[in-house]
Amino acid sequence: MAGGDPYVQLSREQWRDLRKNTPLTLTEAELAELRGVDDPIDLAEVTDIYLPLARLLNLHFTGSRQRSAAVGAFLGESASPLPYVLGIAGSVAVGKSTTARLLHTLLARWPEHPRVDLITTDSFLYPNKVLEERGIMHRKGFPESYDRRALVRFVADVKAGHPAVDAPVYSHLEYDIVPGATQTVRRPDILIVEGLNVLQPAPPASLAVCDYFDFSIYVDARVEDIRNWYVDRFHKLRRTAFSDPKSYFNHIAALSHDEATAFARNVWRDINERNLIENIAPTRGRAGLIMRKGSDHSIRHVRLRRT
């Protein structure tokens, strides 16, 4: 831990060797369903990066359960184990959603924790009507565009072992919260919380959602690379999801390639890059593990917090 750095940095090769005997339980067909738009992840990446990560999380989960049991024994309690909460943060288009979906699938195949739920903080965005009334529609994705109290209350209730906790549902097609729709989480072994700002600290005398995390991951890359991935993904969505008449961005499907590129670059510069630099990247040092990607989306090295 040279120079007081709380992290140990591991090359891809060093990290890969920590897989030990963790089996690959994912098929190519399953991986194809889990991939994000324009995310080239393959089974080699799963084997080298995600199997060691699943092993680490399994060990951490087991240790957390043992610590909880020890505290319970000290207090003379025999309550059921409480859910383990994993946070995953990172920029728009960096691939954190694929990471969350992969871990959701891989962790659920360990016998110690078969019940794994995944929630995204998009579900706790304020409805578009509220954002428009507050004049912050152009800051969607920034911390103030989320109902942070509702998000913290949701995770706190899950962590407390409530039998059933409801979350709103967000539609990426309609770019809005779905009125009346809910996702119910029922006492999972593990809850994965994925979102842009999940590592943000709380205001004074308050709790943040990350205060309930047992472990957290930050998916990192060069800003220039993320910008290119965002523009490439935008073009793929323009040819697919945006062409749906129900899509909030349907009008973009008719733009020329050059017009769409200019539009995407402007959105990236004015919204997503600002949010990354001002709000998201500064929380990187709060993560238990930082996964650093290269320009081809593959993980180049991993930084694991020792303390």
C-alpha atoms as a PDB file:
ATOM      1  CA  MET A   1       0.000   0.000   0.000  1.00  0.00           C
ATOM      2  CA  ALA A   2       2.649   2.454  -1.187  1.00  0.00           C
ATOM      3  CA  GLY A   3       2.260   6.147  -0.415  1.00  0.00           C
ATOM      4  CA  GLY A   4      -0.864   5.559   1.633  1.00  0.00           C
ATOM      5  CA  ASP A   5      -2.835   4.373  -1.423  1.00  0.00           C
ATOM      6  CA  PRO A   6      -5.686   2.224  -0.065  1.00  0.00           C
ATOM      7  CA  TYR A   7      -5.851   0.270  -3.338  1.00  0.00           C
ATOM      8  CA  VAL A   8      -3.771  -2.572  -4.712  1.00  0.00           C
ATOM      9  CA  GLN A   9      -3.568  -2.506  -8.510  1.00  0.00           C
ATOM     10  CA  LEU A  10      -3.709  -5.801 -10.380  1.00  0.00           C
ATOM     11  CA  SER A  11      -2.990  -6.280 -14.066  1.00  0.00           C
ATOM     12  CA  ARG A  12      -5.464  -8.215 -16.155  1.00  0.00           C
ATOM     13  CA  GLU A  13      -3.200 -11.259 -15.956  1.00  0.00           C
ATOM     14  CA  GLN A  14      -2.815 -11.017 -12.170  1.00  0.00           C
ATOM     15  CA  TRP A  15      -6.548 -10.618 -11.741  1.00  0.00           C
ATOM     16  CA  ARG A  16      -7.328 -13.513 -14.079  1.00  0.00           C
ATOM     17  CA  ASP A  17      -5.186 -15.855 -11.947  1.00  0.00           C
ATOM     18  CA  LEU A  18      -7.403 -15.106  -8.937  1.00  0.00           C
ATOM     19  CA  ARG A  19     -10.274 -16.975 -10.562  1.00  0.00           C
ATOM     20  CA  LYS A  20      -8.937 -20.216  -9.025  1.00  0.00           C
ATOM     21  CA  ASN A  21     -11.490 -22.967  -9.739  1.00  0.00           C
ATOM     22  CA  THR A  22     -14.548 -20.756 -10.212  1.00  0.00           C
ATOM     23  CA  PRO A  23     -16.580 -22.457 -12.974  1.00  0.00           C
ATOM     24  CA  LEU A  24     -17.944 -20.701 -16.056  1.00  0.00           C
ATOM     25  CA  THR A  25     -21.717 -21.114 -15.801  1.00  0.00           C
ATOM     26  CA  LEU A  26     -22.637 -18.788 -18.671  1.00  0.00           C
ATOM     27  CA  THR A  27     -23.218 -19.770 -22.300  1.00  0.00           C
ATOM     28  CA  GLU A  28     -22.582 -17.640 -25.370  1.00  0.00           C
ATOM     29  CA  ALA A  29     -26.341 -17.419 -25.995  1.00  0.00           C
ATOM     30  CA  GLU A  30     -26.941 -16.153 -22.451  1.00  0.00           C
ATOM     31  CA  LEU A  31     -24.138 -13.624 -22.772  1.00  0.00           C
ATOM     32  CA  ALA A  32     -25.675 -12.313 -26.005  1.00  0.00           C
ATOM     33  CA  GLU A  33     -28.857 -11.496 -24.080  1.00  0.00           C
ATOM     34  CA  LEU A  34     -26.924  -9.721 -21.322  1.00  0.00           C
ATOM     35  CA  ARG A  35     -24.735  -7.564 -23.573  1.00  0.00           C
ATOM     36  CA  GLY A  36     -25.490  -3.879 -23.779  1.00  0.00           C
ATOM     37  CA  VAL A  37     -25.858  -1.996 -27.045  1.00  0.00           C
ATOM     38  CA  ASP A  38     -22.440  -1.780 -28.749  1.00  0.00           C
ATOM     39  CA  ASP A  39     -20.729  -3.715 -25.926  1.00  0.00           C
ATOM     40  CA  PRO A  40     -18.368  -6.311 -27.447  1.00  0.00           C
ATOM     41  CA  ILE A  41     -17.870  -8.345 -24.250  1.00  0.00           C
ATOM     42  CA  ASP A  42     -17.147 -12.024 -24.919  1.00  0.00           C
ATOM     43  CA  LEU A  43     -16.746 -15.202 -22.876  1.00  0.00           C
ATOM     44  CA  ALA A  44     -12.991 -14.624 -22.569  1.00  0.00           C
ATOM     45  CA  GLU A  45     -13.734 -11.340 -20.776  1.00  0.00           C
ATOM     46  CA  VAL A  46     -16.234 -13.114 -18.551  1.00  0.00           C
ATOM     47  CA  THR A  47     -13.661 -15.795 -17.714  1.00  0.00           C
ATOM     48  CA  ASP A  48     -10.751 -13.413 -17.108  1.00  0.00           C
ATOM     49  CA  ILE A  49     -12.587 -10.610 -15.304  1.00  0.00           C
ATOM     50  CA  TYR A  50     -16.029 -11.565 -14.065  1.00  0.00           C
ATOM     51  CA  LEU A  51     -15.312 -15.019 -12.665  1.00  0.00           C
ATOM     52  CA  PRO A  52     -12.587 -13.705 -10.323  1.00  0.00           C
ATOM     53  CA  LEU A  53     -14.972 -10.871  -9.402  1.00  0.00           C
ATOM     54  CA  ALA A  54     -17.781 -13.328  -8.670  1.00  0.00           C
ATOM     55  CA  ARG A  55     -15.376 -15.313  -6.476  1.00  0.00           C
ATOM     56  CA  LEU A  56     -14.350 -12.179  -4.582  1.00  0.00           C
ATOM     57  CA  LEU A  57     -17.984 -11.179  -4.037  1.00  0.00           C
ATOM     58  CA  ASN A  58     -18.878 -14.679  -2.860  1.00  0.00           C
ATOM     59  CA  LEU A  59     -16.065 -14.561  -0.298  1.00  0.00           C
ATOM     60  CA  HIS A  60     -17.120 -11.075   0.769  1.00  0.00           C
ATOM     61  CA  PHE A  61     -20.759 -12.174   1.028  1.00  0.00           C
ATOM     62  CA  THR A  62     -19.757 -15.112   3.228  1.00  0.00           C
ATOM     63  CA  GLY A  63     -17.646 -12.871   5.446  1.00  0.00           C
ATOM     64  CA  SER A  64     -20.489 -10.383   5.754  1.00  0.00           C
ATOM     65  CA  ARG A  65     -22.882 -13.132   6.832  1.00  0.00           C
ATOM     66  CA  GLN A  66     -20.394 -14.356   9.424  1.00  0.00           C
ATOM     67  CA  ARG A  67     -19.941 -10.850  10.847  1.00  0.00           C
ATOM     68  CA  SER A  68     -23.705 -10.375  10.984  1.00  0.00           C
ATOM     69  CA  ALA A  69     -24.126 -13.708  12.783  1.00  0.00           C
ATOM     70  CA  ALA A  70     -21.424 -12.735  15.273  1.00  0.00           C
ATOM     71  CA  VAL A  71     -23.191  -9.472  16.093  1.00  0.00           C
ATOM     72  CA  GLY A  72     -26.488 -11.332  16.387  1.00  0.00           C
ATOM     73  CA  ALA A  73     -24.944 -13.841  18.789  1.00  0.00           C
ATOM     74  CA  PHE A  74     -23.537 -11.004  20.890  1.00  0.00           C
ATOM     75  CA  LEU A  75     -26.973  -9.397  21.104  1.00  0.00           C
ATOM     76  CA  GLY A  76     -28.695 -12.696  21.759  1.00  0.00           C
ATOM     77  CA  GLU A  77     -30.682 -12.465  18.518  1.00  0.00           C
ATOM     78  CA  SER A  78     -31.444 -15.232  16.045  1.00  0.00           C
ATOM     79  CA  ALA A  79     -32.896 -13.181  13.187  1.00  0.00           C
ATOM     80  CA  SER A  80     -32.662 -14.260   9.532  1.00  0.00           C
ATOM     81  CA  PRO A  81     -29.615 -12.992   7.604  1.00  0.00           C
ATOM     82  CA  LEU A  82     -30.107  -9.567   6.034  1.00  0.00           C
ATOM     83  CA  PRO A  83     -29.589  -8.911   2.307  1.00  0.00           C
ATOM     84  CA  TYR A  84     -26.114  -8.104   1.012  1.00  0.00           C
ATOM     85  CA  VAL A  85     -26.165  -4.882  -1.048  1.00  0.00           C
ATOM     86  CA  LEU A  86     -23.781  -4.320  -3.971  1.00  0.00           C
ATOM     87  CA  GLY A  87     -23.487  -0.911  -5.656  1.00  0.00           C
ATOM     88  CA  ILE A  88     -22.258  -0.402  -9.236  1.00  0.00           C
ATOM     89  CA  ALA A  89     -21.398   3.105 -10.476  1.00  0.00           C
ATOM     90  CA  GLY A  90     -19.927   4.722 -13.567  1.00  0.00           C
ATOM     91  CA  SER A  91     -20.648   7.012 -16.488  1.00  0.00           C
ATOM     92  CA  VAL A  92     -23.342   6.773 -19.114  1.00  0.00           C
ATOM     93  CA  ALA A  93     -22.156   4.367 -21.866  1.00  0.00           C
ATOM     94  CA  VAL A  94     -19.236   2.952 -19.856  1.00  0.00           C
ATOM     95  CA  GLY A  95     -20.845  -0.504 -19.591  1.00  0.00           C
ATOM     96  CA  LYS A  96     -21.958  -0.562 -15.963  1.00  0.00           C
ATOM     97  CA  SER A  97     -25.387  -1.946 -16.898  1.00  0.00           C
ATOM     98  CA  THR A  98     -23.762  -4.925 -18.621  1.00  0.00           C
ATOM     99  CA  THR A  99     -21.577  -5.419 -15.543  1.00  0.00           C
ATOM    100  CA  ALA A 100     -24.673  -5.364 -13.323  1.00  0.00           C
ATOM    101  CA  ARG A 101     -26.588  -7.837 -15.500  1.00  0.00           C
ATOM    102  CA  LEU A 102     -23.600 -10.193 -15.714  1.00  0.00           C
ATOM    103  CA  LEU A 103     -23.076 -10.204 -11.964  1.00  0.00           C
ATOM    104  CA  HIS A 104     -26.807 -10.660 -11.421  1.00  0.00           C
ATOM    105  CA  THR A 105     -26.674 -13.839 -13.506  1.00  0.00           C
ATOM    106  CA  LEU A 106     -23.352 -15.185 -12.231  1.00  0.00           C
ATOM    107  CA  LEU A 107     -23.973 -14.576  -8.534  1.00  0.00           C
ATOM    108  CA  ALA A 108     -27.419 -16.205  -8.673  1.00  0.00           C
ATOM    109  CA  ARG A 109     -25.751 -19.471  -9.726  1.00  0.00           C
ATOM    110  CA  TRP A 110     -23.790 -19.796  -6.480  1.00  0.00           C
ATOM    111  CA  PRO A 111     -25.626 -22.033  -3.988  1.00  0.00           C
ATOM    112  CA  GLU A 112     -24.843 -19.634  -1.120  1.00  0.00           C
ATOM    113  CA  HIS A 113     -26.919 -16.811  -2.640  1.00  0.00           C
ATOM    114  CA  PRO A 114     -29.403 -18.014  -5.266  1.00  0.00           C
ATOM    115  CA  ARG A 115     -31.805 -15.074  -4.866  1.00  0.00           C
ATOM    116  CA  VAL A 116     -30.297 -11.995  -6.506  1.00  0.00           C
ATOM    117  CA  ASP A 117     -32.257  -8.880  -7.489  1.00  0.00           C
ATOM    118  CA  LEU A 118     -31.139  -5.947  -9.623  1.00  0.00           C
ATOM    119  CA  ILE A 119     -32.493  -2.420  -9.415  1.00  0.00           C
ATOM    120  CA  THR A 120     -31.341   0.617 -11.410  1.00  0.00           C
ATOM    121  CA  THR A 121     -31.518   4.139 -10.078  1.00  0.00           C
ATOM    122  CA  ASP A 122     -33.347   5.162 -13.264  1.00  0.00           C
ATOM    123  CA  SER A 123     -36.407   3.853 -11.441  1.00  0.00           C
ATOM    124  CA  PHE A 124     -35.987   6.708  -8.969  1.00  0.00           C
ATOM    125  CA  LEU A 125     -35.728   9.525 -11.490  1.00  0.00           C
ATOM    126  CA  TYR A 126     -38.454  12.086 -11.030  1.00  0.00           C
ATOM    127  CA  PRO A 127     -41.154  11.812 -13.730  1.00  0.00           C
ATOM    128  CA  ASN A 128     -40.575  14.082 -16.729  1.00  0.00           C
ATOM    129  CA  LYS A 129     -43.496  16.268 -15.656  1.00  0.00           C
ATOM    130  CA  VAL A 130     -41.742  17.024 -12.347  1.00  0.00           C
ATOM    131  CA  LEU A 131     -38.400  17.659 -14.071  1.00  0.00           C
ATOM    132  CA  GLU A 132     -40.087  20.067 -16.490  1.00  0.00           C
ATOM    133  CA  GLU A 133     -41.896  21.880 -13.663  1.00  0.00           C
ATOM    134  CA  ARG A 134     -38.565  22.330 -11.859  1.00  0.00           C
ATOM    135  CA  GLY A 135     -36.781  23.438 -15.020  1.00  0.00           C
ATOM    136  CA  ILE A 136     -34.199  20.650 -14.849  1.00  0.00           C
ATOM    137  CA  MET A 137     -35.233  18.372 -17.718  1.00  0.00           C
ATOM    138  CA  HIS A 138     -31.875  19.204 -19.334  1.00  0.00           C
ATOM    139  CA  ARG A 139     -30.144  17.873 -16.189  1.00  0.00           C
ATOM    140  CA  LYS A 140     -31.737  14.438 -16.240  1.00  0.00           C
ATOM    141  CA  GLY A 141     -29.202  12.054 -14.710  1.00  0.00           C
ATOM    142  CA  PHE A 142     -27.659  14.730 -12.477  1.00  0.00           C
ATOM    143  CA  PRO A 143     -28.083  14.108  -8.721  1.00  0.00           C
ATOM    144  CA  GLU A 144     -30.965  16.577  -8.362  1.00  0.00           C
ATOM    145  CA  SER A 145     -33.057  14.723 -10.966  1.00  0.00           C
ATOM    146  CA  TYR A 146     -33.491  11.710  -8.642  1.00  0.00           C
ATOM    147  CA  ASP A 147     -35.866  11.213  -5.764  1.00  0.00           C
ATOM    148  CA  ARG A 148     -32.944  10.394  -3.486  1.00  0.00           C
ATOM    149  CA  ARG A 149     -35.090  10.065  -0.378  1.00  0.00           C
ATOM    150  CA  ALA A 150     -37.240   7.424  -2.064  1.00  0.00           C
ATOM    151  CA  LEU A 151     -34.128   5.560  -3.275  1.00  0.00           C
ATOM    152  CA  VAL A 152     -32.519   5.579   0.179  1.00  0.00           C
ATOM    153  CA  ARG A 153     -35.806   4.506   1.784  1.00  0.00           C
ATOM    154  CA  PHE A 154     -36.145   1.631  -0.705  1.00  0.00           C
ATOM    155  CA  VAL A 155     -32.621   0.286  -0.105  1.00  0.00           C
ATOM    156  CA  ALA A 156     -32.934   0.807   3.659  1.00  0.00           C
ATOM    157  CA  ASP A 157     -36.156  -1.224   3.714  1.00  0.00           C
ATOM    158  CA  VAL A 158     -34.582  -4.040   1.683  1.00  0.00           C
ATOM    159  CA  LYS A 159     -31.495  -3.995   3.901  1.00  0.00           C
ATOM    160  CA  ALA A 160     -33.705  -4.128   6.991  1.00  0.00           C
ATOM    161  CA  GLY A 161     -35.246  -7.380   5.766  1.00  0.00           C
ATOM    162  CA  HIS A 162     -38.742  -6.173   4.894  1.00  0.00           C
ATOM    163  CA  PRO A 163     -40.620  -9.039   3.207  1.00  0.00           C
ATOM    164  CA  ALA A 164     -41.566  -7.030   0.101  1.00  0.00           C
ATOM    165  CA  VAL A 165     -40.382  -3.609  -1.084  1.00  0.00           C
ATOM    166  CA  ASP A 166     -41.677  -1.876  -4.220  1.00  0.00           C
ATOM    167  CA  ALA A 167     -39.717   0.343  -6.604  1.00  0.00           C
ATOM    168  CA  PRO A 168     -41.035   2.401  -9.531  1.00  0.00           C
ATOM    169  CA  VAL A 169     -40.387   1.261 -13.105  1.00  0.00           C
ATOM    170  CA  TYR A 170     -38.586   3.385 -15.713  1.00  0.00           C
ATOM    171  CA  SER A 171     -39.129   2.984 -19.466  1.00  0.00           C
ATOM    172  CA  HIS A 172     -36.091   3.763 -21.609  1.00  0.00           C
ATOM    173  CA  LEU A 173     -38.350   3.637 -24.657  1.00  0.00           C
ATOM    174  CA  GLU A 174     -40.670   6.324 -23.317  1.00  0.00           C
ATOM    175  CA  TYR A 175     -37.859   8.052 -21.380  1.00  0.00           C
ATOM    176  CA  ASP A 176     -40.064   8.346 -18.308  1.00  0.00           C
ATOM    177  CA  ILE A 177     -41.386   6.646 -15.191  1.00  0.00           C
ATOM    178  CA  VAL A 178     -44.253   4.254 -16.000  1.00  0.00           C
ATOM    179  CA  PRO A 179     -47.332   5.433 -14.045  1.00  0.00           C
ATOM    180  CA  GLY A 180     -48.544   2.816 -11.568  1.00  0.00           C
ATOM    181  CA  ALA A 181     -45.934   0.191 -12.463  1.00  0.00           C
ATOM    182  CA  THR A 182     -43.748  -1.332  -9.738  1.00  0.00           C
ATOM    183  CA  GLN A 183     -40.908  -3.814  -9.328  1.00  0.00           C
ATOM    184  CA  THR A 184     -41.154  -5.822  -6.116  1.00  0.00           C
ATOM    185  CA  VAL A 185     -38.062  -7.051  -4.281  1.00  0.00           C
ATOM    186  CA  ARG A 186     -38.696  -9.882  -1.804  1.00  0.00           C
ATOM    187  CA  ARG A 187     -35.886 -10.487   0.714  1.00  0.00           C
ATOM    188  CA  PRO A 188     -33.075 -11.291  -1.733  1.00  0.00           C
ATOM    189  CA  ASP A 189     -29.764 -12.769  -0.678  1.00  0.00           C
ATOM    190  CA  ILE A 190     -28.103 -10.031  -2.746  1.00  0.00           C
ATOM    191  CA  LEU A 191     -29.470  -6.743  -4.055  1.00  0.00           C
ATOM    192  CA  ILE A 192     -27.494  -5.045  -6.849  1.00  0.00           C
ATOM    193  CA  VAL A 193     -28.038  -1.286  -7.136  1.00  0.00           C
ATOM    194  CA  GLU A 194     -26.722   0.157 -10.407  1.00  0.00           C
ATOM    195  CA  GLY A 195     -26.619   3.837 -11.313  1.00  0.00           C
ATOM    196  CA  LEU A 196     -24.656   6.950 -12.166  1.00  0.00           C
ATOM    197  CA  ASN A 197     -24.555   8.549  -8.745  1.00  0.00           C
ATOM    198  CA  VAL A 198     -24.851   5.672  -6.272  1.00  0.00           C
ATOM    199  CA  LEU A 199     -21.508   6.497  -4.607  1.00  0.00           C
ATOM    200  CA  GLN A 200     -22.396  10.118  -3.860  1.00  0.00           C
ATOM    201  CA  PRO A 201     -22.051  11.061  -0.188  1.00  0.00           C
ATOM    202  CA  ALA A 202     -25.078  12.298   1.715  1.00  0.00           C
ATOM    203  CA  PRO A 203     -25.727  15.879   2.799  1.00  0.00           C
ATOM    204  CA  PRO A 204     -24.874  16.596   6.459  1.00  0.00           C
ATOM    205  CA  ALA A 205     -26.980  14.695   9.012  1.00  0.00           C
ATOM    206  CA  SER A 206     -28.413  12.438   6.270  1.00  0.00           C
ATOM    207  CA  LEU A 207     -27.789   8.969   4.898  1.00  0.00           C
ATOM    208  CA  ALA A 208     -26.824   8.197   1.311  1.00  0.00           C
ATOM    209  CA  VAL A 209     -27.733   5.049  -0.570  1.00  0.00           C
ATOM    210  CA  CYS A 210     -24.041   4.009  -0.502  1.00  0.00           C
ATOM    211  CA  ASP A 211     -24.175   3.933   3.305  1.00  0.00           C
ATOM    212  CA  TYR A 212     -26.148   0.686   2.909  1.00  0.00           C
ATOM    213  CA  PHE A 213     -23.665  -0.953   0.525  1.00  0.00           C
ATOM    214  CA  ASP A 214     -21.646  -3.961   1.620  1.00  0.00           C
ATOM    215  CA  PHE A 215     -19.417  -3.564  -1.434  1.00  0.00           C
ATOM    216  CA  SER A 216     -19.210  -1.233  -4.422  1.00  0.00           C
ATOM    217  CA  ILE A 217     -17.737  -1.246  -7.934  1.00  0.00           C
ATOM    218  CA  TYR A 218     -16.837   1.682 -10.183  1.00  0.00           C
ATOM    219  CA  VAL A 219     -16.536   1.026 -13.941  1.00  0.00           C
ATOM    220  CA  ASP A 220     -13.928   3.444 -15.303  1.00  0.00           C
ATOM    221  CA  ALA A 221     -12.455   4.511 -18.659  1.00  0.00           C
ATOM    222  CA  ARG A 222     -10.928   7.526 -20.399  1.00  0.00           C
ATOM    223  CA  VAL A 223     -13.468  10.283 -21.044  1.00  0.00           C
ATOM    224  CA  GLU A 224     -12.570  10.281 -24.757  1.00  0.00           C
ATOM    225  CA  ASP A 225     -13.295   6.560 -25.023  1.00  0.00           C
ATOM    226  CA  ILE A 226     -16.630   6.860 -23.241  1.00  0.00           C
ATOM    227  CA  ARG A 227     -17.615   9.711 -25.570  1.00  0.00           C
ATOM    228  CA  ASN A 228     -16.876   7.548 -28.615  1.00  0.00           C
ATOM    229  CA  TRP A 229     -18.845   4.643 -27.130  1.00  0.00           C
ATOM    230  CA  TYR A 230     -21.757   6.991 -26.413  1.00  0.00           C
ATOM    231  CA  VAL A 231     -21.851   8.280 -30.003  1.00  0.00           C
ATOM    232  CA  ASP A 232     -21.565   4.747 -31.440  1.00  0.00           C
ATOM    233  CA  ARG A 233     -24.364   3.543 -29.154  1.00  0.00           C
ATOM    234  CA  PHE A 234     -26.492   6.528 -30.129  1.00  0.00           C
ATOM    235  CA  HIS A 235     -26.248   5.554 -33.806  1.00  0.00           C
ATOM    236  CA  LYS A 236     -27.226   1.952 -33.060  1.00  0.00           C
ATOM    237  CA  LEU A 237     -30.226   3.118 -31.041  1.00  0.00           C
ATOM    238  CA  ARG A 238     -31.176   5.517 -33.845  1.00  0.00           C
ATOM    239  CA  ARG A 239     -31.403   2.539 -36.197  1.00  0.00           C
ATOM    240  CA  THR A 240     -33.276   0.339 -33.699  1.00  0.00           C
ATOM    241  CA  ALA A 241     -35.100   1.537 -30.570  1.00  0.00           C
ATOM    242  CA  PHE A 242     -35.503   5.156 -31.713  1.00  0.00           C
ATOM    243  CA  SER A 243     -37.357   4.003 -34.837  1.00  0.00           C
ATOM    244  CA  ASP A 244     -40.219   2.755 -32.659  1.00  0.00           C
ATOM    245  CA  PRO A 245     -43.103   5.269 -32.916  1.00  0.00           C
ATOM    246  CA  LYS A 246     -43.498   5.048 -29.114  1.00  0.00           C
ATOM    247  CA  SER A 247     -39.927   6.121 -28.531  1.00  0.00           C
ATOM    248  CA  TYR A 248     -39.380   9.505 -26.917  1.00  0.00           C
ATOM    249  CA  PHE A 249     -36.506   9.946 -29.379  1.00  0.00           C
ATOM    250  CA  ASN A 250     -38.410   8.828 -32.472  1.00  0.00           C
ATOM    251  CA  HIS A 251     -37.794  12.189 -34.179  1.00  0.00           C
ATOM    252  CA  ILE A 252     -34.044  11.463 -34.128  1.00  0.00           C
ATOM    253  CA  ALA A 253     -34.446   8.371 -36.315  1.00  0.00           C
ATOM    254  CA  ALA A 254     -35.029  10.634 -39.318  1.00  0.00           C
ATOM    255  CA  LEU A 255     -31.780  12.567 -38.893  1.00  0.00           C
ATOM    256  CA  SER A 256     -28.896  11.989 -41.280  1.00  0.00           C
ATOM    257  CA  HIS A 257     -25.752  10.302 -39.982  1.00  0.00           C
ATOM    258  CA  ASP A 258     -23.908  13.621 -39.703  1.00  0.00           C
ATOM    259  CA  GLU A 259     -26.852  15.357 -38.027  1.00  0.00           C
ATOM    260  CA  ALA A 260     -27.218  12.511 -35.538  1.00  0.00           C
ATOM    261  CA  THR A 261     -23.469  12.573 -34.790  1.00  0.00           C
ATOM    262  CA  ALA A 262     -23.584  16.303 -34.092  1.00  0.00           C
ATOM    263  CA  PHE A 263     -26.654  15.883 -31.897  1.00  0.00           C
ATOM    264  CA  ALA A 264     -25.060  13.046 -29.902  1.00  0.00           C
ATOM    265  CA  ARG A 265     -21.796  14.941 -29.419  1.00  0.00           C
ATOM    266  CA  ASN A 266     -23.683  17.999 -28.157  1.00  0.00           C
ATOM    267  CA  VAL A 267     -25.700  15.908 -25.682  1.00  0.00           C
ATOM    268  CA  TRP A 268     -22.513  14.231 -24.495  1.00  0.00           C
ATOM    269  CA  ARG A 269     -20.648  17.527 -24.047  1.00  0.00           C
ATOM    270  CA  ASP A 270     -23.472  19.510 -22.427  1.00  0.00           C
ATOM    271  CA  ILE A 271     -25.016  16.806 -20.218  1.00  0.00           C
ATOM    272  CA  ASN A 272     -23.216  13.489 -19.836  1.00  0.00           C
ATOM    273  CA  GLU A 273     -19.615  14.698 -19.778  1.00  0.00           C
ATOM    274  CA  ARG A 274     -20.470  17.508 -17.364  1.00  0.00           C
ATOM    275  CA  ASN A 275     -22.246  15.064 -15.073  1.00  0.00           C
ATOM    276  CA  LEU A 276     -19.313  12.655 -15.272  1.00  0.00           C
ATOM    277  CA  ILE A 277     -16.693  15.274 -14.442  1.00  0.00           C
ATOM    278  CA  GLU A 278     -18.708  17.176 -11.818  1.00  0.00           C
ATOM    279  CA  ASN A 279     -20.547  14.372 -10.028  1.00  0.00           C
ATOM    280  CA  ILE A 280     -19.674  10.815 -11.039  1.00  0.00           C
ATOM    281  CA  ALA A 281     -15.881  10.616 -11.413  1.00  0.00           C
ATOM    282  CA  PRO A 282     -15.229  12.360  -8.061  1.00  0.00           C
ATOM    283  CA  THR A 283     -16.915   9.401  -6.313  1.00  0.00           C
ATOM    284  CA  ARG A 284     -14.564   6.819  -7.868  1.00  0.00           C
ATOM    285  CA  GLY A 285     -12.309   6.769  -4.807  1.00  0.00           C
ATOM    286  CA  ARG A 286     -15.216   5.648  -2.634  1.00  0.00           C
ATOM    287  CA  ALA A 287     -15.551   2.318  -4.489  1.00  0.00           C
ATOM    288  CA  GLY A 288     -14.308  -0.983  -3.125  1.00  0.00           C
ATOM    289  CA  LEU A 289     -13.173  -2.004  -6.619  1.00  0.00           C
ATOM    290  CA  ILE A 290     -12.362   0.043  -9.735  1.00  0.00           C
ATOM    291  CA  MET A 291     -12.452  -1.701 -13.131  1.00  0.00           C
ATOM    292  CA  ARG A 292     -10.473   0.246 -15.741  1.00  0.00           C
ATOM    293  CA  LYS A 293     -11.371  -0.285 -19.401  1.00  0.00           C
ATOM    294  CA  GLY A 294      -9.295   0.256 -22.518  1.00  0.00           C
ATOM    295  CA  SER A 295     -10.563   1.759 -25.766  1.00  0.00           C
ATOM    296  CA  ASP A 296     -11.787  -1.675 -26.921  1.00  0.00           C
ATOM    297  CA  HIS A 297     -14.044  -2.025 -23.823  1.00  0.00           C
ATOM    298  CA  SER A 298     -11.872  -4.756 -22.291  1.00  0.00           C
ATOM    299  CA  ILE A 299     -10.730  -4.442 -18.676  1.00  0.00           C
ATOM    300  CA  ARG A 300      -7.019  -3.525 -18.563  1.00  0.00           C
ATOM    301  CA  HIS A 301      -6.500  -3.514 -14.817  1.00  0.00           C
ATOM    302  CA  VAL A 302      -8.378  -3.676 -11.527  1.00  0.00           C
ATOM    303  CA  ARG A 303      -7.844  -1.649  -8.364  1.00  0.00           C
ATOM    304  CA  LEU A 304      -9.040  -3.354  -5.188  1.00  0.00           C
ATOM    305  CA  ARG A 305      -9.407  -1.450  -1.925  1.00  0.00           C
ATOM    306  CA  ARG A 306      -7.566  -3.132   0.930  1.00  0.00           C
ATOM    307  CA  THR A 307      -8.995  -0.926   3.693  1.00  0.00           C
END
